[in-house]
Amino acid sequence: MDGPQPTTPTQERLLGDLREVIENAEELLNNTTQYNGAMYETARSKLAQALLAATEELARFEDAHIGRMMELTARANQLHRDLTGEARLLRAFHRED
């Protein structure tokens, strides 16, 4: 997914909400296996397909986000000439007053 980076609290909250909805829907799907009938089976099938699509999209978004974070970190390391892990760590915690 090439969407915007989740940098705002609203986007992070939406991602968290999506994870929670997926978890709740999976629980609902697992807890309704005792119900039989065409309507239940159709509804469960649709829910299972929607869960699969949502889970795959969330994974793609998270992978893209991690890739962008790694790229930005590498650029910052080059810019500041952080050649060692120690230099990176010290720069990360350096406060300019």
N, C-alpha and C. Protein backbone atom coordinates (compact mmCIF):
# COMPACT_ATOMS: atom_id res chain seq x y z
N MET A 1 0.85 -1.17 0.00
CA MET A 1 0.00 0.00 0.00
C MET A 1 0.89 1.23 0.00
N ASP A 2 0.61 2.17 -0.86
CA ASP A 2 1.42 3.36 -0.97
C ASP A 2 0.72 4.57 -0.38
N GLY A 3 -0.06 4.37 0.63
CA GLY A 3 -0.80 5.47 1.25
C GLY A 3 0.10 6.31 2.12
N PRO A 4 -0.47 7.29 2.77
CA PRO A 4 0.32 8.17 3.62
C PRO A 4 0.85 7.42 4.84
N GLN A 5 1.95 7.95 5.35
CA GLN A 5 2.54 7.35 6.54
C GLN A 5 1.65 7.63 7.75
N PRO A 6 1.51 6.64 8.65
CA PRO A 6 0.70 6.88 9.84
C PRO A 6 1.49 7.65 10.87
N THR A 7 1.61 8.95 10.69
CA THR A 7 2.41 9.76 11.59
C THR A 7 1.57 10.54 12.57
N THR A 8 0.31 10.71 12.30
CA THR A 8 -0.52 11.48 13.21
C THR A 8 -1.18 10.55 14.20
N PRO A 9 -1.51 11.07 15.37
CA PRO A 9 -2.21 10.23 16.36
C PRO A 9 -3.51 9.65 15.81
N THR A 10 -4.19 10.39 14.96
CA THR A 10 -5.45 9.90 14.39
C THR A 10 -5.20 8.66 13.54
N GLN A 11 -4.17 8.69 12.70
CA GLN A 11 -3.86 7.53 11.87
C GLN A 11 -3.43 6.34 12.71
N GLU A 12 -2.62 6.59 13.72
CA GLU A 12 -2.21 5.51 14.61
C GLU A 12 -3.41 4.92 15.33
N ARG A 13 -4.31 5.77 15.75
CA ARG A 13 -5.52 5.31 16.44
C ARG A 13 -6.38 4.49 15.48
N LEU A 14 -6.49 4.92 14.23
CA LEU A 14 -7.26 4.17 13.24
C LEU A 14 -6.67 2.79 13.01
N LEU A 15 -5.34 2.71 12.93
CA LEU A 15 -4.69 1.41 12.77
C LEU A 15 -4.98 0.51 13.98
N GLY A 16 -4.90 1.08 15.16
CA GLY A 16 -5.22 0.32 16.36
C GLY A 16 -6.67 -0.13 16.38
N ASP A 17 -7.55 0.75 15.96
CA ASP A 17 -8.98 0.40 15.90
C ASP A 17 -9.21 -0.72 14.89
N LEU A 18 -8.53 -0.65 13.74
CA LEU A 18 -8.67 -1.70 12.73
C LEU A 18 -8.20 -3.04 13.28
N ARG A 19 -7.07 -3.04 13.99
CA ARG A 19 -6.59 -4.29 14.60
C ARG A 19 -7.62 -4.84 15.58
N GLU A 20 -8.21 -3.96 16.37
CA GLU A 20 -9.21 -4.38 17.35
C GLU A 20 -10.47 -4.94 16.67
N VAL A 21 -10.92 -4.28 15.61
CA VAL A 21 -12.09 -4.76 14.87
C VAL A 21 -11.81 -6.14 14.28
N ILE A 22 -10.62 -6.32 13.73
CA ILE A 22 -10.24 -7.62 13.17
C ILE A 22 -10.26 -8.69 14.25
N GLU A 23 -9.66 -8.39 15.40
CA GLU A 23 -9.64 -9.35 16.49
C GLU A 23 -11.05 -9.69 16.96
N ASN A 24 -11.90 -8.68 17.11
CA ASN A 24 -13.28 -8.92 17.56
C ASN A 24 -14.07 -9.72 16.54
N ALA A 25 -13.88 -9.42 15.27
CA ALA A 25 -14.59 -10.14 14.22
C ALA A 25 -14.13 -11.60 14.16
N GLU A 26 -12.82 -11.83 14.35
CA GLU A 26 -12.32 -13.20 14.38
C GLU A 26 -12.92 -13.97 15.55
N GLU A 27 -13.02 -13.32 16.69
CA GLU A 27 -13.63 -13.95 17.87
C GLU A 27 -15.10 -14.27 17.61
N LEU A 28 -15.81 -13.34 17.00
CA LEU A 28 -17.21 -13.57 16.67
C LEU A 28 -17.35 -14.73 15.70
N LEU A 29 -16.49 -14.78 14.70
CA LEU A 29 -16.52 -15.86 13.73
C LEU A 29 -16.27 -17.20 14.40
N ASN A 30 -15.30 -17.24 15.29
CA ASN A 30 -14.98 -18.49 15.99
C ASN A 30 -16.06 -18.90 16.97
N ASN A 31 -16.79 -17.95 17.53
CA ASN A 31 -17.80 -18.27 18.55
C ASN A 31 -19.19 -18.52 17.98
N THR A 32 -19.33 -18.50 16.68
CA THR A 32 -20.65 -18.72 16.07
C THR A 32 -20.69 -19.99 15.24
N THR A 33 -19.76 -20.88 15.44
CA THR A 33 -19.72 -22.11 14.64
C THR A 33 -20.90 -23.02 14.95
N GLN A 34 -21.52 -22.87 16.10
CA GLN A 34 -22.63 -23.76 16.47
C GLN A 34 -23.93 -23.41 15.74
N TYR A 35 -23.99 -22.24 15.12
CA TYR A 35 -25.20 -21.84 14.40
C TYR A 35 -25.17 -22.39 12.99
N ASN A 36 -26.27 -23.03 12.60
CA ASN A 36 -26.37 -23.66 11.29
C ASN A 36 -27.45 -22.97 10.46
N GLY A 37 -27.43 -23.22 9.21
CA GLY A 37 -28.43 -22.66 8.32
C GLY A 37 -27.76 -21.84 7.24
N ALA A 38 -28.46 -21.68 6.14
CA ALA A 38 -27.91 -20.99 4.98
C ALA A 38 -27.56 -19.54 5.29
N MET A 39 -28.42 -18.85 6.04
CA MET A 39 -28.15 -17.45 6.36
C MET A 39 -26.89 -17.30 7.20
N TYR A 40 -26.75 -18.17 8.20
CA TYR A 40 -25.57 -18.09 9.05
C TYR A 40 -24.30 -18.41 8.26
N GLU A 41 -24.37 -19.44 7.43
CA GLU A 41 -23.21 -19.83 6.65
C GLU A 41 -22.81 -18.74 5.66
N THR A 42 -23.79 -18.10 5.04
CA THR A 42 -23.49 -17.01 4.10
C THR A 42 -22.84 -15.84 4.84
N ALA A 43 -23.42 -15.48 5.98
CA ALA A 43 -22.88 -14.37 6.76
C ALA A 43 -21.46 -14.68 7.25
N ARG A 44 -21.26 -15.91 7.72
CA ARG A 44 -19.93 -16.30 8.20
C ARG A 44 -18.91 -16.29 7.06
N SER A 45 -19.32 -16.73 5.89
CA SER A 45 -18.43 -16.75 4.73
C SER A 45 -18.05 -15.32 4.33
N LYS A 46 -19.02 -14.42 4.29
CA LYS A 46 -18.73 -13.03 3.95
C LYS A 46 -17.80 -12.39 4.98
N LEU A 47 -18.06 -12.67 6.25
CA LEU A 47 -17.22 -12.13 7.32
C LEU A 47 -15.80 -12.68 7.21
N ALA A 48 -15.67 -13.96 6.92
CA ALA A 48 -14.34 -14.56 6.78
C ALA A 48 -13.58 -13.93 5.62
N GLN A 49 -14.25 -13.68 4.50
CA GLN A 49 -13.60 -13.05 3.35
C GLN A 49 -13.19 -11.61 3.68
N ALA A 50 -14.06 -10.88 4.35
CA ALA A 50 -13.75 -9.49 4.72
C ALA A 50 -12.58 -9.45 5.70
N LEU A 51 -12.54 -10.39 6.64
CA LEU A 51 -11.43 -10.46 7.60
C LEU A 51 -10.12 -10.75 6.90
N LEU A 52 -10.15 -11.66 5.96
CA LEU A 52 -8.93 -11.98 5.23
C LEU A 52 -8.42 -10.76 4.47
N ALA A 53 -9.31 -10.06 3.80
CA ALA A 53 -8.90 -8.87 3.03
C ALA A 53 -8.38 -7.79 3.97
N ALA A 54 -9.06 -7.56 5.09
CA ALA A 54 -8.63 -6.52 6.04
C ALA A 54 -7.28 -6.87 6.66
N THR A 55 -7.08 -8.12 7.00
CA THR A 55 -5.82 -8.56 7.60
C THR A 55 -4.67 -8.41 6.60
N GLU A 56 -4.90 -8.78 5.36
CA GLU A 56 -3.86 -8.65 4.34
C GLU A 56 -3.53 -7.18 4.08
N GLU A 57 -4.54 -6.33 4.02
CA GLU A 57 -4.30 -4.90 3.78
C GLU A 57 -3.55 -4.28 4.96
N LEU A 58 -3.91 -4.64 6.16
CA LEU A 58 -3.21 -4.12 7.34
C LEU A 58 -1.75 -4.56 7.31
N ALA A 59 -1.50 -5.81 6.97
CA ALA A 59 -0.12 -6.31 6.90
C ALA A 59 0.68 -5.56 5.83
N ARG A 60 0.06 -5.32 4.66
CA ARG A 60 0.76 -4.56 3.60
C ARG A 60 1.07 -3.15 4.07
N PHE A 61 0.12 -2.52 4.73
CA PHE A 61 0.33 -1.16 5.21
C PHE A 61 1.46 -1.12 6.24
N GLU A 62 1.45 -2.07 7.17
CA GLU A 62 2.50 -2.10 8.20
C GLU A 62 3.86 -2.39 7.58
N ASP A 63 3.92 -3.29 6.61
CA ASP A 63 5.19 -3.58 5.95
C ASP A 63 5.73 -2.34 5.22
N ALA A 64 4.85 -1.64 4.53
CA ALA A 64 5.26 -0.42 3.83
C ALA A 64 5.74 0.63 4.82
N HIS A 65 5.04 0.75 5.93
CA HIS A 65 5.41 1.73 6.96
C HIS A 65 6.78 1.40 7.55
N ILE A 66 7.03 0.14 7.83
CA ILE A 66 8.32 -0.28 8.37
C ILE A 66 9.43 -0.01 7.35
N GLY A 67 9.14 -0.30 6.08
CA GLY A 67 10.12 -0.03 5.03
C GLY A 67 10.47 1.45 4.95
N ARG A 68 9.45 2.31 5.02
CA ARG A 68 9.71 3.76 4.99
C ARG A 68 10.50 4.20 6.22
N MET A 69 10.19 3.64 7.38
CA MET A 69 10.93 3.99 8.60
C MET A 69 12.40 3.58 8.47
N MET A 70 12.65 2.40 7.93
CA MET A 70 14.02 1.93 7.77
C MET A 70 14.78 2.81 6.77
N GLU A 71 14.11 3.20 5.69
CA GLU A 71 14.73 4.07 4.69
C GLU A 71 15.07 5.43 5.29
N LEU A 72 14.15 5.99 6.05
CA LEU A 72 14.40 7.30 6.67
C LEU A 72 15.51 7.21 7.71
N THR A 73 15.56 6.11 8.44
CA THR A 73 16.63 5.92 9.42
C THR A 73 17.98 5.84 8.72
N ALA A 74 18.04 5.10 7.62
CA ALA A 74 19.30 4.99 6.87
C ALA A 74 19.73 6.35 6.34
N ARG A 75 18.79 7.14 5.84
CA ARG A 75 19.12 8.49 5.35
C ARG A 75 19.64 9.37 6.48
N ALA A 76 18.99 9.30 7.64
CA ALA A 76 19.44 10.10 8.78
C ALA A 76 20.84 9.68 9.22
N ASN A 77 21.11 8.38 9.21
CA ASN A 77 22.44 7.89 9.57
C ASN A 77 23.50 8.41 8.61
N GLN A 78 23.18 8.44 7.32
CA GLN A 78 24.13 8.97 6.34
C GLN A 78 24.32 10.47 6.52
N LEU A 79 23.23 11.18 6.72
CA LEU A 79 23.28 12.62 6.88
C LEU A 79 24.14 13.02 8.07
N HIS A 80 23.99 12.31 9.17
CA HIS A 80 24.72 12.65 10.40
C HIS A 80 26.01 11.84 10.56
N ARG A 81 26.31 11.05 9.55
CA ARG A 81 27.53 10.22 9.54
C ARG A 81 27.62 9.32 10.78
N ASP A 82 26.49 8.72 11.12
CA ASP A 82 26.45 7.78 12.24
C ASP A 82 26.94 6.42 11.73
N LEU A 83 28.21 6.14 11.94
CA LEU A 83 28.81 4.92 11.40
C LEU A 83 28.69 3.74 12.36
N THR A 84 28.42 4.01 13.62
CA THR A 84 28.32 2.93 14.59
C THR A 84 26.97 2.97 15.29
N GLY A 85 26.60 1.88 15.88
CA GLY A 85 25.37 1.83 16.66
C GLY A 85 25.41 2.79 17.83
N GLU A 86 26.59 2.93 18.42
CA GLU A 86 26.74 3.86 19.54
C GLU A 86 26.47 5.29 19.10
N ALA A 87 26.97 5.69 17.96
CA ALA A 87 26.75 7.04 17.45
C ALA A 87 25.27 7.28 17.19
N ARG A 88 24.59 6.28 16.65
CA ARG A 88 23.16 6.41 16.38
C ARG A 88 22.38 6.57 17.68
N LEU A 89 22.74 5.77 18.65
CA LEU A 89 22.05 5.82 19.94
C LEU A 89 22.28 7.16 20.63
N LEU A 90 23.51 7.63 20.63
CA LEU A 90 23.80 8.91 21.26
C LEU A 90 23.06 10.05 20.58
N ARG A 91 22.98 10.01 19.24
CA ARG A 91 22.25 11.06 18.52
C ARG A 91 20.76 10.98 18.83
N ALA A 92 20.23 9.77 18.95
CA ALA A 92 18.82 9.60 19.22
C ALA A 92 18.41 10.21 20.56
N PHE A 93 19.31 10.17 21.53
CA PHE A 93 18.97 10.67 22.85
C PHE A 93 19.57 12.03 23.16
N HIS A 94 20.24 12.63 22.19
CA HIS A 94 20.82 13.96 22.37
C HIS A 94 19.71 15.00 22.35
N ARG A 95 19.69 15.85 23.35
CA ARG A 95 18.68 16.91 23.44
C ARG A 95 19.35 18.24 23.20
N GLU A 96 18.78 19.00 22.29
CA GLU A 96 19.28 20.35 22.06
C GLU A 96 18.39 21.31 22.83
N ASP A 97 18.98 22.08 23.71
CA ASP A 97 18.18 23.00 24.54
C ASP A 97 18.11 24.38 23.95
